[in-house]
C-alpha atoms as a PDB file:
ATOM      1  CA  MET A   1     -48.236 -47.854  42.658  1.00  0.00           C
ATOM      2  CA  THR A   2     -44.887 -46.173  43.244  1.00  0.00           C
ATOM      3  CA  GLU A   3     -42.895 -45.208  40.150  1.00  0.00           C
ATOM      4  CA  TYR A   4     -39.118 -45.609  40.392  1.00  0.00           C
ATOM      5  CA  VAL A   5     -37.040 -43.162  38.363  1.00  0.00           C
ATOM      6  CA  ALA A   6     -33.298 -43.531  37.809  1.00  0.00           C
ATOM      7  CA  THR A   7     -31.534 -40.182  37.715  1.00  0.00           C
ATOM      8  CA  THR A   8     -28.555 -38.205  39.044  1.00  0.00           C
ATOM      9  CA  PRO A   9     -27.901 -34.774  40.562  1.00  0.00           C
ATOM     10  CA  GLY A  10     -25.502 -33.972  37.745  1.00  0.00           C
ATOM     11  CA  VAL A  11     -22.056 -32.291  37.880  1.00  0.00           C
ATOM     12  CA  TYR A  12     -20.194 -35.125  36.185  1.00  0.00           C
ATOM     13  CA  PRO A  13     -16.480 -35.813  35.782  1.00  0.00           C
ATOM     14  CA  LEU A  14     -15.042 -35.024  32.378  1.00  0.00           C
ATOM     15  CA  PRO A  15     -14.249 -37.956  30.078  1.00  0.00           C
ATOM     16  CA  ASP A  16     -10.513 -38.640  30.220  1.00  0.00           C
ATOM     17  CA  TRP A  17      -9.938 -37.634  26.593  1.00  0.00           C
ATOM     18  CA  ALA A  18     -11.736 -34.311  27.162  1.00  0.00           C
ATOM     19  CA  LYS A  19      -9.711 -33.622  30.283  1.00  0.00           C
ATOM     20  CA  ASP A  20      -6.489 -34.109  28.293  1.00  0.00           C
ATOM     21  CA  ASP A  21      -7.658 -31.983  25.363  1.00  0.00           C
ATOM     22  CA  LEU A  22      -8.803 -29.157  27.624  1.00  0.00           C
ATOM     23  CA  ALA A  23      -5.546 -29.213  29.575  1.00  0.00           C
ATOM     24  CA  ASP A  24      -3.743 -28.532  26.300  1.00  0.00           C
ATOM     25  CA  LEU A  25      -6.214 -25.844  25.207  1.00  0.00           C
ATOM     26  CA  LYS A  26      -6.883 -24.100  28.519  1.00  0.00           C
ATOM     27  CA  GLY A  27      -4.089 -24.789  30.967  1.00  0.00           C
ATOM     28  CA  HIS A  28      -4.643 -24.979  34.717  1.00  0.00           C
ATOM     29  CA  GLN A  29      -4.253 -21.427  35.990  1.00  0.00           C
ATOM     30  CA  LYS A  30      -7.045 -19.289  37.422  1.00  0.00           C
ATOM     31  CA  HIS A  31      -7.251 -17.165  34.272  1.00  0.00           C
ATOM     32  CA  ASP A  32      -7.733 -20.382  32.278  1.00  0.00           C
ATOM     33  CA  LEU A  33     -10.968 -21.366  34.063  1.00  0.00           C
ATOM     34  CA  VAL A  34     -14.372 -21.090  32.426  1.00  0.00           C
ATOM     35  CA  ASP A  35     -15.761 -17.549  32.331  1.00  0.00           C
ATOM     36  CA  GLY A  36     -18.460 -17.865  29.662  1.00  0.00           C
ATOM     37  CA  ASP A  37     -16.246 -16.560  26.860  1.00  0.00           C
ATOM     38  CA  GLU A  38     -14.453 -19.696  25.634  1.00  0.00           C
ATOM     39  CA  ASP A  39     -13.064 -19.927  22.097  1.00  0.00           C
ATOM     40  CA  GLU A  40     -14.446 -22.287  19.442  1.00  0.00           C
ATOM     41  CA  GLU A  41     -11.926 -25.089  20.034  1.00  0.00           C
ATOM     42  CA  ILE A  42     -12.765 -25.266  23.736  1.00  0.00           C
ATOM     43  CA  VAL A  43     -16.489 -25.052  23.057  1.00  0.00           C
ATOM     44  CA  SER A  44     -16.257 -27.948  20.577  1.00  0.00           C
ATOM     45  CA  VAL A  45     -14.574 -30.190  23.178  1.00  0.00           C
ATOM     46  CA  TYR A  46     -17.323 -29.485  25.695  1.00  0.00           C
ATOM     47  CA  ASP A  47     -19.967 -30.082  23.010  1.00  0.00           C
ATOM     48  CA  GLU A  48     -18.527 -33.489  22.143  1.00  0.00           C
ATOM     49  CA  ALA A  49     -18.127 -34.444  25.812  1.00  0.00           C
ATOM     50  CA  ARG A  50     -21.708 -33.375  26.523  1.00  0.00           C
ATOM     51  CA  GLU A  51     -23.006 -35.602  23.747  1.00  0.00           C
ATOM     52  CA  GLU A  52     -20.969 -38.484  25.171  1.00  0.00           C
ATOM     53  CA  VAL A  53     -22.287 -38.213  28.732  1.00  0.00           C
ATOM     54  CA  VAL A  54     -25.877 -37.891  27.511  1.00  0.00           C
ATOM     55  CA  GLY A  55     -25.344 -41.082  25.525  1.00  0.00           C
ATOM     56  CA  ARG A  56     -23.816 -42.818  28.553  1.00  0.00           C
ATOM     57  CA  GLN A  57     -26.897 -42.069  30.610  1.00  0.00           C
ATOM     58  CA  GLN A  58     -29.192 -43.310  27.867  1.00  0.00           C
ATOM     59  CA  SER A  59     -27.267 -46.562  27.377  1.00  0.00           C
ATOM     60  CA  ALA A  60     -27.302 -47.107  31.157  1.00  0.00           C
ATOM     61  CA  GLY A  61     -31.096 -46.942  31.114  1.00  0.00           C
ATOM     62  CA  LEU A  62     -31.505 -43.797  33.197  1.00  0.00           C
ATOM     63  CA  ASP A  63     -35.014 -42.373  33.095  1.00  0.00           C
ATOM     64  CA  ARG A  64     -33.825 -38.769  33.376  1.00  0.00           C
ATOM     65  CA  VAL A  65     -30.852 -37.400  31.465  1.00  0.00           C
ATOM     66  CA  VAL A  66     -28.837 -34.376  32.612  1.00  0.00           C
ATOM     67  CA  GLU A  67     -26.469 -32.085  30.745  1.00  0.00           C
ATOM     68  CA  GLY A  68     -23.631 -33.013  33.093  1.00  0.00           C
ATOM     69  CA  GLN A  69     -22.331 -29.523  33.917  1.00  0.00           C
ATOM     70  CA  LEU A  70     -18.977 -30.439  32.381  1.00  0.00           C
ATOM     71  CA  ARG A  71     -18.015 -26.760  31.999  1.00  0.00           C
ATOM     72  CA  TRP A  72     -18.449 -26.120  35.711  1.00  0.00           C
ATOM     73  CA  ASP A  73     -15.096 -25.459  37.387  1.00  0.00           C
ATOM     74  CA  ASP A  74     -17.082 -24.753  40.574  1.00  0.00           C
ATOM     75  CA  MET A  75     -19.442 -27.556  41.619  1.00  0.00           C
ATOM     76  CA  LEU A  76     -22.274 -25.261  42.745  1.00  0.00           C
ATOM     77  CA  ALA A  77     -20.986 -21.707  42.383  1.00  0.00           C
ATOM     78  CA  HIS A  78     -20.776 -21.764  38.564  1.00  0.00           C
ATOM     79  CA  PRO A  79     -23.878 -19.608  37.824  1.00  0.00           C
ATOM     80  CA  LEU A  80     -22.270 -16.802  39.817  1.00  0.00           C
ATOM     81  CA  ALA A  81     -18.657 -17.515  38.833  1.00  0.00           C
ATOM     82  CA  VAL A  82     -19.417 -16.751  35.153  1.00  0.00           C
ATOM     83  CA  HIS A  83     -21.647 -13.722  35.823  1.00  0.00           C
ATOM     84  CA  ASP A  84     -20.505 -10.259  34.741  1.00  0.00           C
ATOM     85  CA  ALA A  85     -21.467  -8.740  38.122  1.00  0.00           C
ATOM     86  CA  VAL A  86     -19.302 -11.225  40.036  1.00  0.00           C
ATOM     87  CA  GLU A  87     -15.560 -11.286  40.731  1.00  0.00           C
ATOM     88  CA  THR A  88     -13.926 -14.647  41.490  1.00  0.00           C
ATOM     89  CA  ARG A  89     -11.172 -14.273  44.053  1.00  0.00           C
ATOM     90  CA  GLY A  90      -9.347 -16.706  46.321  1.00  0.00           C
ATOM     91  CA  ILE A  91      -9.728 -20.475  46.449  1.00  0.00           C
ATOM     92  CA  VAL A  92     -12.077 -21.634  49.215  1.00  0.00           C
ATOM     93  CA  ARG A  93     -12.672 -25.144  50.580  1.00  0.00           C
ATOM     94  CA  TYR A  94     -15.924 -26.659  49.337  1.00  0.00           C
ATOM     95  CA  TYR A  95     -17.652 -27.494  52.628  1.00  0.00           C
ATOM     96  CA  ASP A  96     -15.510 -29.996  54.568  1.00  0.00           C
ATOM     97  CA  ASN A  97     -14.157 -32.108  51.702  1.00  0.00           C
ATOM     98  CA  ASN A  98     -10.949 -31.945  49.694  1.00  0.00           C
ATOM     99  CA  ASN A  99     -12.352 -29.942  46.784  1.00  0.00           C
ATOM    100  CA  PHE A 100     -12.162 -26.199  46.333  1.00  0.00           C
ATOM    101  CA  TYR A 101     -13.958 -23.472  44.414  1.00  0.00           C
ATOM    102  CA  ARG A 102     -13.339 -19.855  43.471  1.00  0.00           C
ATOM    103  CA  GLU A 103     -14.972 -17.461  45.920  1.00  0.00           C
ATOM    104  CA  PRO A 104     -17.691 -15.604  43.958  1.00  0.00           C
ATOM    105  CA  VAL A 105     -17.932 -12.015  45.181  1.00  0.00           C
ATOM    106  CA  VAL A 106     -21.042 -10.195  43.988  1.00  0.00           C
ATOM    107  CA  THR A 107     -20.174  -6.587  43.126  1.00  0.00           C
ATOM    108  CA  GLY A 108     -23.178  -5.542  41.032  1.00  0.00           C
ATOM    109  CA  ASP A 109     -26.780  -6.263  40.126  1.00  0.00           C
ATOM    110  CA  LEU A 110     -27.501  -9.938  39.420  1.00  0.00           C
ATOM    111  CA  THR A 111     -29.358  -9.599  36.134  1.00  0.00           C
ATOM    112  CA  PHE A 112     -30.261 -12.471  33.784  1.00  0.00           C
ATOM    113  CA  ASP A 113     -27.241 -14.270  32.364  1.00  0.00           C
ATOM    114  CA  GLY A 114     -28.398 -17.321  30.363  1.00  0.00           C
ATOM    115  CA  ASP A 115     -25.251 -19.446  30.702  1.00  0.00           C
ATOM    116  CA  VAL A 116     -26.915 -22.526  32.228  1.00  0.00           C
ATOM    117  CA  ALA A 117     -29.909 -22.219  29.896  1.00  0.00           C
ATOM    118  CA  GLY A 118     -27.524 -22.319  26.939  1.00  0.00           C
ATOM    119  CA  GLU A 119     -25.913 -25.530  28.208  1.00  0.00           C
ATOM    120  CA  LEU A 120     -29.287 -27.187  28.652  1.00  0.00           C
ATOM    121  CA  GLU A 121     -30.420 -26.111  25.200  1.00  0.00           C
ATOM    122  CA  ALA A 122     -27.344 -27.823  23.763  1.00  0.00           C
ATOM    123  CA  ALA A 123     -28.111 -31.030  25.710  1.00  0.00           C
ATOM    124  CA  SER A 124     -31.714 -31.044  24.510  1.00  0.00           C
ATOM    125  CA  GLU A 125     -30.467 -31.894  20.998  1.00  0.00           C
ATOM    126  CA  PHE A 126     -29.378 -35.334  22.222  1.00  0.00           C
ATOM    127  CA  ALA A 127     -31.971 -36.161  24.909  1.00  0.00           C
ATOM    128  CA  ASP A 128     -35.453 -37.545  24.346  1.00  0.00           C
ATOM    129  CA  ASP A 129     -38.260 -35.033  24.818  1.00  0.00           C
ATOM    130  CA  ASP A 130     -39.598 -36.638  28.009  1.00  0.00           C
ATOM    131  CA  SER A 131     -36.281 -37.424  29.703  1.00  0.00           C
ATOM    132  CA  LEU A 132     -34.358 -34.136  30.010  1.00  0.00           C
ATOM    133  CA  GLN A 133     -33.603 -33.031  33.557  1.00  0.00           C
ATOM    134  CA  ALA A 134     -32.152 -29.676  34.595  1.00  0.00           C
ATOM    135  CA  VAL A 135     -29.810 -29.265  37.571  1.00  0.00           C
ATOM    136  CA  VAL A 136     -29.023 -25.966  39.299  1.00  0.00           C
ATOM    137  CA  PRO A 137     -27.800 -25.001  42.759  1.00  0.00           C
ATOM    138  CA  GLY A 138     -30.577 -24.098  45.149  1.00  0.00           C
ATOM    139  CA  PRO A 139     -30.801 -20.420  46.108  1.00  0.00           C
ATOM    140  CA  TYR A 140     -29.824 -20.913  49.745  1.00  0.00           C
ATOM    141  CA  SER A 141     -26.680 -22.899  48.900  1.00  0.00           C
ATOM    142  CA  LEU A 142     -25.619 -20.548  46.101  1.00  0.00           C
ATOM    143  CA  ALA A 143     -25.991 -17.522  48.362  1.00  0.00           C
ATOM    144  CA  ASP A 144     -24.219 -19.341  51.196  1.00  0.00           C
ATOM    145  CA  LEU A 145     -21.168 -20.086  49.030  1.00  0.00           C
ATOM    146  CA  ALA A 146     -20.923 -16.504  47.765  1.00  0.00           C
ATOM    147  CA  THR A 147     -19.858 -13.183  49.279  1.00  0.00           C
ATOM    148  CA  ASP A 148     -22.071 -10.116  48.907  1.00  0.00           C
ATOM    149  CA  GLU A 149     -20.432  -6.725  48.370  1.00  0.00           C
ATOM    150  CA  TYR A 150     -23.391  -5.103  46.638  1.00  0.00           C
ATOM    151  CA  TYR A 151     -26.790  -5.737  48.257  1.00  0.00           C
ATOM    152  CA  GLY A 152     -25.662  -5.206  51.845  1.00  0.00           C
ATOM    153  CA  ASP A 153     -28.422  -7.265  53.446  1.00  0.00           C
ATOM    154  CA  ASP A 154     -28.645 -11.056  53.775  1.00  0.00           C
ATOM    155  CA  ALA A 155     -32.355 -11.174  52.972  1.00  0.00           C
ATOM    156  CA  ASP A 156     -31.996  -8.931  49.921  1.00  0.00           C
ATOM    157  CA  PHE A 157     -29.027 -10.927  48.702  1.00  0.00           C
ATOM    158  CA  LEU A 158     -30.875 -14.258  49.016  1.00  0.00           C
ATOM    159  CA  ASP A 159     -33.827 -12.748  47.151  1.00  0.00           C
ATOM    160  CA  ALA A 160     -31.511 -11.565  44.363  1.00  0.00           C
ATOM    161  CA  VAL A 161     -29.902 -14.988  44.006  1.00  0.00           C
ATOM    162  CA  ALA A 162     -33.345 -16.620  43.907  1.00  0.00           C
ATOM    163  CA  GLU A 163     -34.517 -14.211  41.211  1.00  0.00           C
ATOM    164  CA  LEU A 164     -31.333 -14.843  39.193  1.00  0.00           C
ATOM    165  CA  LEU A 165     -31.971 -18.600  39.267  1.00  0.00           C
ATOM    166  CA  ALA A 166     -35.669 -18.144  38.522  1.00  0.00           C
ATOM    167  CA  GLY A 167     -34.839 -16.094  35.427  1.00  0.00           C
ATOM    168  CA  GLU A 168     -32.391 -18.742  34.277  1.00  0.00           C
ATOM    169  CA  ILE A 169     -34.986 -21.495  34.700  1.00  0.00           C
ATOM    170  CA  GLU A 170     -37.622 -19.538  32.788  1.00  0.00           C
ATOM    171  CA  ALA A 171     -35.228 -19.540  29.810  1.00  0.00           C
ATOM    172  CA  PHE A 172     -34.750 -23.331  29.896  1.00  0.00           C
ATOM    173  CA  PRO A 173     -36.022 -25.550  27.108  1.00  0.00           C
ATOM    174  CA  GLU A 174     -38.811 -27.903  28.174  1.00  0.00           C
ATOM    175  CA  VAL A 175     -37.584 -30.246  30.905  1.00  0.00           C
ATOM    176  CA  GLU A 176     -39.293 -33.141  32.652  1.00  0.00           C
ATOM    177  CA  THR A 177     -37.591 -32.632  36.026  1.00  0.00           C
ATOM    178  CA  LEU A 178     -35.580 -29.943  37.808  1.00  0.00           C
ATOM    179  CA  PHE A 179     -33.151 -30.777  40.623  1.00  0.00           C
ATOM    180  CA  LEU A 180     -32.276 -27.924  43.011  1.00  0.00           C
ATOM    181  CA  LEU A 181     -29.132 -28.861  44.950  1.00  0.00           C
ATOM    182  CA  GLU A 182     -29.249 -27.612  48.550  1.00  0.00           C
ATOM    183  CA  PRO A 183     -26.391 -29.115  50.603  1.00  0.00           C
ATOM    184  CA  SER A 184     -25.945 -25.865  52.568  1.00  0.00           C
ATOM    185  CA  LEU A 185     -29.292 -26.457  54.263  1.00  0.00           C
ATOM    186  CA  VAL A 186     -27.539 -29.427  55.902  1.00  0.00           C
ATOM    187  CA  GLU A 187     -23.961 -28.146  56.173  1.00  0.00           C
ATOM    188  CA  ASN A 188     -24.684 -24.545  57.181  1.00  0.00           C
ATOM    189  CA  PRO A 189     -28.392 -24.330  58.091  1.00  0.00           C
ATOM    190  CA  PRO A 190     -30.256 -21.072  58.683  1.00  0.00           C
ATOM    191  CA  GLY A 191     -29.644 -19.416  62.060  1.00  0.00           C
ATOM    192  CA  GLU A 192     -31.838 -19.303  65.110  1.00  0.00           C
ATOM    193  CA  GLU A 193     -33.753 -16.161  64.160  1.00  0.00           C
ATOM    194  CA  ALA A 194     -37.406 -17.038  63.631  1.00  0.00           C
ATOM    195  CA  ASP A 195     -37.641 -15.888  60.031  1.00  0.00           C
ATOM    196  CA  GLU A 196     -34.426 -17.362  58.625  1.00  0.00           C
ATOM    197  CA  ASP A 197     -35.850 -20.838  57.967  1.00  0.00           C
ATOM    198  CA  GLU A 198     -38.913 -19.255  56.392  1.00  0.00           C
ATOM    199  CA  ARG A 199     -36.748 -17.007  54.234  1.00  0.00           C
ATOM    200  CA  ALA A 200     -34.814 -20.003  52.888  1.00  0.00           C
ATOM    201  CA  SER A 201     -38.086 -21.806  52.172  1.00  0.00           C
ATOM    202  CA  GLU A 202     -39.485 -18.765  50.359  1.00  0.00           C
ATOM    203  CA  ALA A 203     -36.347 -18.527  48.213  1.00  0.00           C
ATOM    204  CA  VAL A 204     -36.746 -22.176  47.201  1.00  0.00           C
ATOM    205  CA  ASP A 205     -40.402 -21.436  46.450  1.00  0.00           C
ATOM    206  CA  THR A 206     -39.407 -18.556  44.143  1.00  0.00           C
ATOM    207  CA  VAL A 207     -37.035 -20.745  42.150  1.00  0.00           C
ATOM    208  CA  ALA A 208     -39.304 -23.801  42.030  1.00  0.00           C
ATOM    209  CA  SER A 209     -42.271 -21.791  40.802  1.00  0.00           C
ATOM    210  CA  ALA A 210     -40.259 -20.622  37.772  1.00  0.00           C
ATOM    211  CA  ALA A 211     -40.135 -24.193  36.452  1.00  0.00           C
ATOM    212  CA  GLY A 212     -43.785 -24.232  35.419  1.00  0.00           C
ATOM    213  CA  ALA A 213     -46.599 -26.681  35.976  1.00  0.00           C
ATOM    214  CA  ASN A 214     -45.262 -29.374  33.630  1.00  0.00           C
ATOM    215  CA  THR A 215     -41.907 -29.793  35.392  1.00  0.00           C
ATOM    216  CA  ASP A 216     -41.443 -31.820  38.577  1.00  0.00           C
ATOM    217  CA  VAL A 217     -39.147 -30.009  40.999  1.00  0.00           C
ATOM    218  CA  VAL A 218     -36.883 -31.955  43.367  1.00  0.00           C
ATOM    219  CA  VAL A 219     -35.047 -30.129  46.174  1.00  0.00           C
ATOM    220  CA  HIS A 220     -32.094 -32.405  46.867  1.00  0.00           C
ATOM    221  CA  THR A 221     -30.203 -32.197  50.174  1.00  0.00           C
ATOM    222  CA  TYR A 222     -27.083 -34.183  51.034  1.00  0.00           C
ATOM    223  CA  TRP A 223     -24.014 -34.689  53.257  1.00  0.00           C
ATOM    224  CA  GLY A 224     -26.185 -35.478  56.237  1.00  0.00           C
ATOM    225  CA  ALA A 225     -29.709 -34.834  57.430  1.00  0.00           C
ATOM    226  CA  LEU A 226     -31.700 -31.632  57.766  1.00  0.00           C
ATOM    227  CA  ASP A 227     -32.294 -30.117  61.168  1.00  0.00           C
ATOM    228  CA  GLU A 228     -35.889 -30.893  62.175  1.00  0.00           C
ATOM    229  CA  LYS A 229     -36.948 -27.236  62.097  1.00  0.00           C
ATOM    230  CA  VAL A 230     -35.326 -26.619  58.705  1.00  0.00           C
ATOM    231  CA  HIS A 231     -36.993 -29.771  57.371  1.00  0.00           C
ATOM    232  CA  ALA A 232     -40.413 -28.619  58.557  1.00  0.00           C
ATOM    233  CA  HIS A 233     -40.085 -25.143  57.044  1.00  0.00           C
ATOM    234  CA  LEU A 234     -38.701 -26.492  53.776  1.00  0.00           C
ATOM    235  CA  LEU A 235     -41.795 -28.652  53.336  1.00  0.00           C
ATOM    236  CA  ASP A 236     -43.859 -25.449  53.280  1.00  0.00           C
ATOM    237  CA  ALA A 237     -42.332 -24.533  49.906  1.00  0.00           C
ATOM    238  CA  ASP A 238     -44.220 -25.559  46.772  1.00  0.00           C
ATOM    239  CA  PHE A 239     -42.175 -28.289  45.077  1.00  0.00           C
ATOM    240  CA  ASP A 240     -42.760 -31.940  44.250  1.00  0.00           C
ATOM    241  CA  ALA A 241     -40.081 -34.054  45.931  1.00  0.00           C
ATOM    242  CA  LEU A 242     -37.510 -33.670  48.700  1.00  0.00           C
ATOM    243  CA  GLY A 243     -34.157 -35.432  48.416  1.00  0.00           C
ATOM    244  CA  TYR A 244     -32.521 -37.338  51.284  1.00  0.00           C
ATOM    245  CA  ASP A 245     -28.966 -38.645  51.597  1.00  0.00           C
ATOM    246  CA  PHE A 246     -29.315 -42.263  52.744  1.00  0.00           C
ATOM    247  CA  VAL A 247     -25.602 -42.911  52.222  1.00  0.00           C
ATOM    248  CA  SER A 248     -24.232 -40.485  54.798  1.00  0.00           C
ATOM    249  CA  ASN A 249     -27.074 -40.480  57.348  1.00  0.00           C
ATOM    250  CA  SER A 250     -29.869 -42.961  56.791  1.00  0.00           C
ATOM    251  CA  GLU A 251     -31.285 -43.020  60.322  1.00  0.00           C
ATOM    252  CA  GLU A 252     -31.848 -39.279  60.845  1.00  0.00           C
ATOM    253  CA  ASN A 253     -33.283 -38.872  57.358  1.00  0.00           C
ATOM    254  CA  LEU A 254     -35.637 -41.766  57.987  1.00  0.00           C
ATOM    255  CA  TYR A 255     -36.614 -40.184  61.296  1.00  0.00           C
ATOM    256  CA  ASN A 256     -37.476 -36.876  59.604  1.00  0.00           C
ATOM    257  CA  ILE A 257     -39.716 -38.629  57.091  1.00  0.00           C
ATOM    258  CA  ASN A 258     -41.547 -40.745  59.668  1.00  0.00           C
ATOM    259  CA  GLU A 259     -41.841 -38.047  62.316  1.00  0.00           C
ATOM    260  CA  TYR A 260     -42.695 -35.007  60.202  1.00  0.00           C
ATOM    261  CA  GLY A 261     -43.806 -36.407  56.870  1.00  0.00           C
ATOM    262  CA  THR A 262     -42.444 -35.382  53.496  1.00  0.00           C
ATOM    263  CA  LYS A 263     -43.636 -34.593  49.980  1.00  0.00           C
ATOM    264  CA  ASP A 264     -45.708 -37.016  47.923  1.00  0.00           C
ATOM    265  CA  SER A 265     -42.494 -37.995  46.108  1.00  0.00           C
ATOM    266  CA  ILE A 266     -38.887 -38.208  47.266  1.00  0.00           C
ATOM    267  CA  ALA A 267     -35.370 -38.479  45.888  1.00  0.00           C
ATOM    268  CA  ALA A 268     -33.406 -41.228  47.611  1.00  0.00           C
ATOM    269  CA  GLY A 269     -29.626 -40.840  47.577  1.00  0.00           C
ATOM    270  CA  VAL A 270     -28.758 -44.539  47.632  1.00  0.00           C
ATOM    271  CA  VAL A 271     -25.577 -44.593  45.512  1.00  0.00           C
ATOM    272  CA  ASP A 272     -22.372 -43.095  46.909  1.00  0.00           C
ATOM    273  CA  GLY A 273     -21.397 -40.223  44.628  1.00  0.00           C
ATOM    274  CA  GLN A 274     -17.934 -39.866  46.185  1.00  0.00           C
ATOM    275  CA  ASN A 275     -16.730 -43.420  46.902  1.00  0.00           C
ATOM    276  CA  THR A 276     -15.080 -45.421  44.107  1.00  0.00           C
ATOM    277  CA  LEU A 277     -16.617 -48.674  45.362  1.00  0.00           C
ATOM    278  CA  VAL A 278     -19.212 -49.620  42.725  1.00  0.00           C
ATOM    279  CA  GLU A 279     -22.474 -50.813  44.245  1.00  0.00           C
ATOM    280  CA  ASP A 280     -24.164 -53.952  42.958  1.00  0.00           C
ATOM    281  CA  ALA A 281     -27.500 -53.322  41.227  1.00  0.00           C
ATOM    282  CA  GLY A 282     -29.197 -55.785  43.569  1.00  0.00           C
ATOM    283  CA  ALA A 283     -27.846 -53.966  46.627  1.00  0.00           C
ATOM    284  CA  ILE A 284     -29.143 -50.623  45.320  1.00  0.00           C
ATOM    285  CA  SER A 285     -32.552 -52.189  44.711  1.00  0.00           C
ATOM    286  CA  GLU A 286     -32.543 -53.570  48.262  1.00  0.00           C
ATOM    287  CA  ARG A 287     -31.910 -50.064  49.587  1.00  0.00           C
ATOM    288  CA  ALA A 288     -35.019 -48.908  47.732  1.00  0.00           C
ATOM    289  CA  ASP A 289     -36.956 -51.776  49.328  1.00  0.00           C
ATOM    290  CA  TRP A 290     -35.585 -50.844  52.751  1.00  0.00           C
ATOM    291  CA  LEU A 291     -36.774 -47.265  52.319  1.00  0.00           C
ATOM    292  CA  VAL A 292     -40.329 -48.260  51.446  1.00  0.00           C
ATOM    293  CA  GLU A 293     -40.495 -50.889  54.213  1.00  0.00           C
ATOM    294  CA  ASN A 294     -39.292 -48.396  56.834  1.00  0.00           C
ATOM    295  CA  THR A 295     -41.667 -45.570  55.902  1.00  0.00           C
ATOM    296  CA  PRO A 296     -44.985 -47.357  56.509  1.00  0.00           C
ATOM    297  CA  ALA A 297     -47.090 -44.193  56.641  1.00  0.00           C
ATOM    298  CA  ALA A 298     -45.820 -42.952  53.281  1.00  0.00           C
ATOM    299  CA  ASP A 299     -47.265 -43.845  49.901  1.00  0.00           C
ATOM    300  CA  PHE A 300     -44.781 -42.274  47.507  1.00  0.00           C
ATOM    301  CA  GLU A 301     -45.952 -41.391  44.017  1.00  0.00           C
ATOM    302  CA  THR A 302     -42.370 -41.331  42.705  1.00  0.00           C
ATOM    303  CA  VAL A 303     -39.043 -42.393  44.178  1.00  0.00           C
ATOM    304  CA  TYR A 304     -36.084 -40.894  42.325  1.00  0.00           C
ATOM    305  CA  LEU A 305     -33.173 -43.298  42.851  1.00  0.00           C
ATOM    306  CA  THR A 306     -29.989 -41.263  42.603  1.00  0.00           C
ATOM    307  CA  PRO A 307     -26.418 -40.860  43.825  1.00  0.00           C
ATOM    308  CA  ASN A 308     -26.452 -38.928  47.077  1.00  0.00           C
ATOM    309  CA  THR A 309     -24.060 -36.241  45.778  1.00  0.00           C
ATOM    310  CA  GLU A 310     -22.678 -34.950  42.512  1.00  0.00           C
ATOM    311  CA  SER A 311     -20.472 -37.512  40.716  1.00  0.00           C
ATOM    312  CA  PHE A 312     -17.760 -34.950  39.945  1.00  0.00           C
ATOM    313  CA  TYR A 313     -15.396 -36.623  42.439  1.00  0.00           C
ATOM    314  CA  LEU A 314     -15.254 -40.009  40.690  1.00  0.00           C
ATOM    315  CA  PRO A 315     -12.869 -41.322  38.030  1.00  0.00           C
ATOM    316  CA  TYR A 316     -14.748 -41.368  34.746  1.00  0.00           C
ATOM    317  CA  SER A 317     -14.670 -45.163  34.388  1.00  0.00           C
ATOM    318  CA  THR A 318     -16.123 -45.579  37.898  1.00  0.00           C
ATOM    319  CA  PHE A 319     -18.785 -43.009  37.115  1.00  0.00           C
ATOM    320  CA  GLU A 320     -19.808 -45.071  34.059  1.00  0.00           C
ATOM    321  CA  GLU A 321     -20.070 -48.250  36.138  1.00  0.00           C
ATOM    322  CA  LYS A 322     -22.221 -46.543  38.752  1.00  0.00           C
ATOM    323  CA  LEU A 323     -24.596 -45.249  36.082  1.00  0.00           C
ATOM    324  CA  ALA A 324     -25.019 -48.773  34.732  1.00  0.00           C
ATOM    325  CA  ALA A 325     -25.693 -50.222  38.195  1.00  0.00           C
ATOM    326  CA  LEU A 326     -28.226 -47.495  38.970  1.00  0.00           C
ATOM    327  CA  GLY A 327     -30.145 -48.057  35.741  1.00  0.00           C
ATOM    328  CA  GLU A 328     -30.302 -51.807  36.334  1.00  0.00           C
ATOM    329  CA  ALA A 329     -31.283 -51.374  39.998  1.00  0.00           C
ATOM    330  CA  THR A 330     -34.226 -49.160  39.099  1.00  0.00           C
ATOM    331  CA  ASP A 331     -35.523 -51.812  36.702  1.00  0.00           C
ATOM    332  CA  LEU A 332     -35.292 -54.384  39.526  1.00  0.00           C
ATOM    333  CA  ALA A 333     -37.147 -52.077  41.918  1.00  0.00           C
ATOM    334  CA  GLU A 334     -39.934 -51.568  39.370  1.00  0.00           C
ATOM    335  CA  VAL A 335     -40.327 -55.328  38.913  1.00  0.00           C
ATOM    336  CA  LYS A 336     -40.563 -55.881  42.671  1.00  0.00           C
ATOM    337  CA  ALA A 337     -43.102 -53.069  43.021  1.00  0.00           C
END
């Protein structure tokens, strides 16, 4: 019997009160952005906001609880943006949407940092032992968003980014699930050279293997559907579930699953992480039904019901409503199953 799990790919909006407090404490200039060396007042605001968003997820009935990445000024680039061997330079458009991030330029050796592990350790104080979920950018997307001025070779740079993330994950507290966010595999897929798809898959493999045998690893892709060749190579990596964006491109994602197969479990992006329209719990549950009905050859062990993208883009009140609808919808899907 399929298990339905309500979760999110993290990167939440700040609560309104925290946004106001941080504006007073930090300002809005580039030198005011997070760099890993915040003073005690700023740290205390993030600590309180983190406890709030963990509580919101729990009260909404989510099965997996994330830290929220509230300190992240850069939706995916954060692990590099705060690293000592990285300079942040100009503002760059984040894929093709209306958000921007600081260009992380790698100028030295990417050694272990521990910033994300520290955030997750703080969240573990509020989350139940069997519900904590970690979220990090996938190695291909993180390398794609960055500029290399140190390694001098694309393959070496991707390997270094993968090893950086693997080291971070090894320092995590015990987590039930790990989401690796890989939108670049859709937005800017590997080139035509024969080994580039394989190289991306191997990098994912390196990061996923660092999570350990007791953690389920989900590689979540969004903003479209994977190219068929990229999809096939990605399935060669050793992880537990592949994520599909059924909000932005349901038909091509369904085609990939039915034509080429997928993992034993999947993450289904069935809630719009960018649109302020709040979905009805019944409608979300129906989308889960539609997925199962239209993948007749699949017998999924777990379906992670999730927003298709990060929820960073939403007003905080809308974000809260979507969490509540998602938690209720997953209960409905379980009853139907």
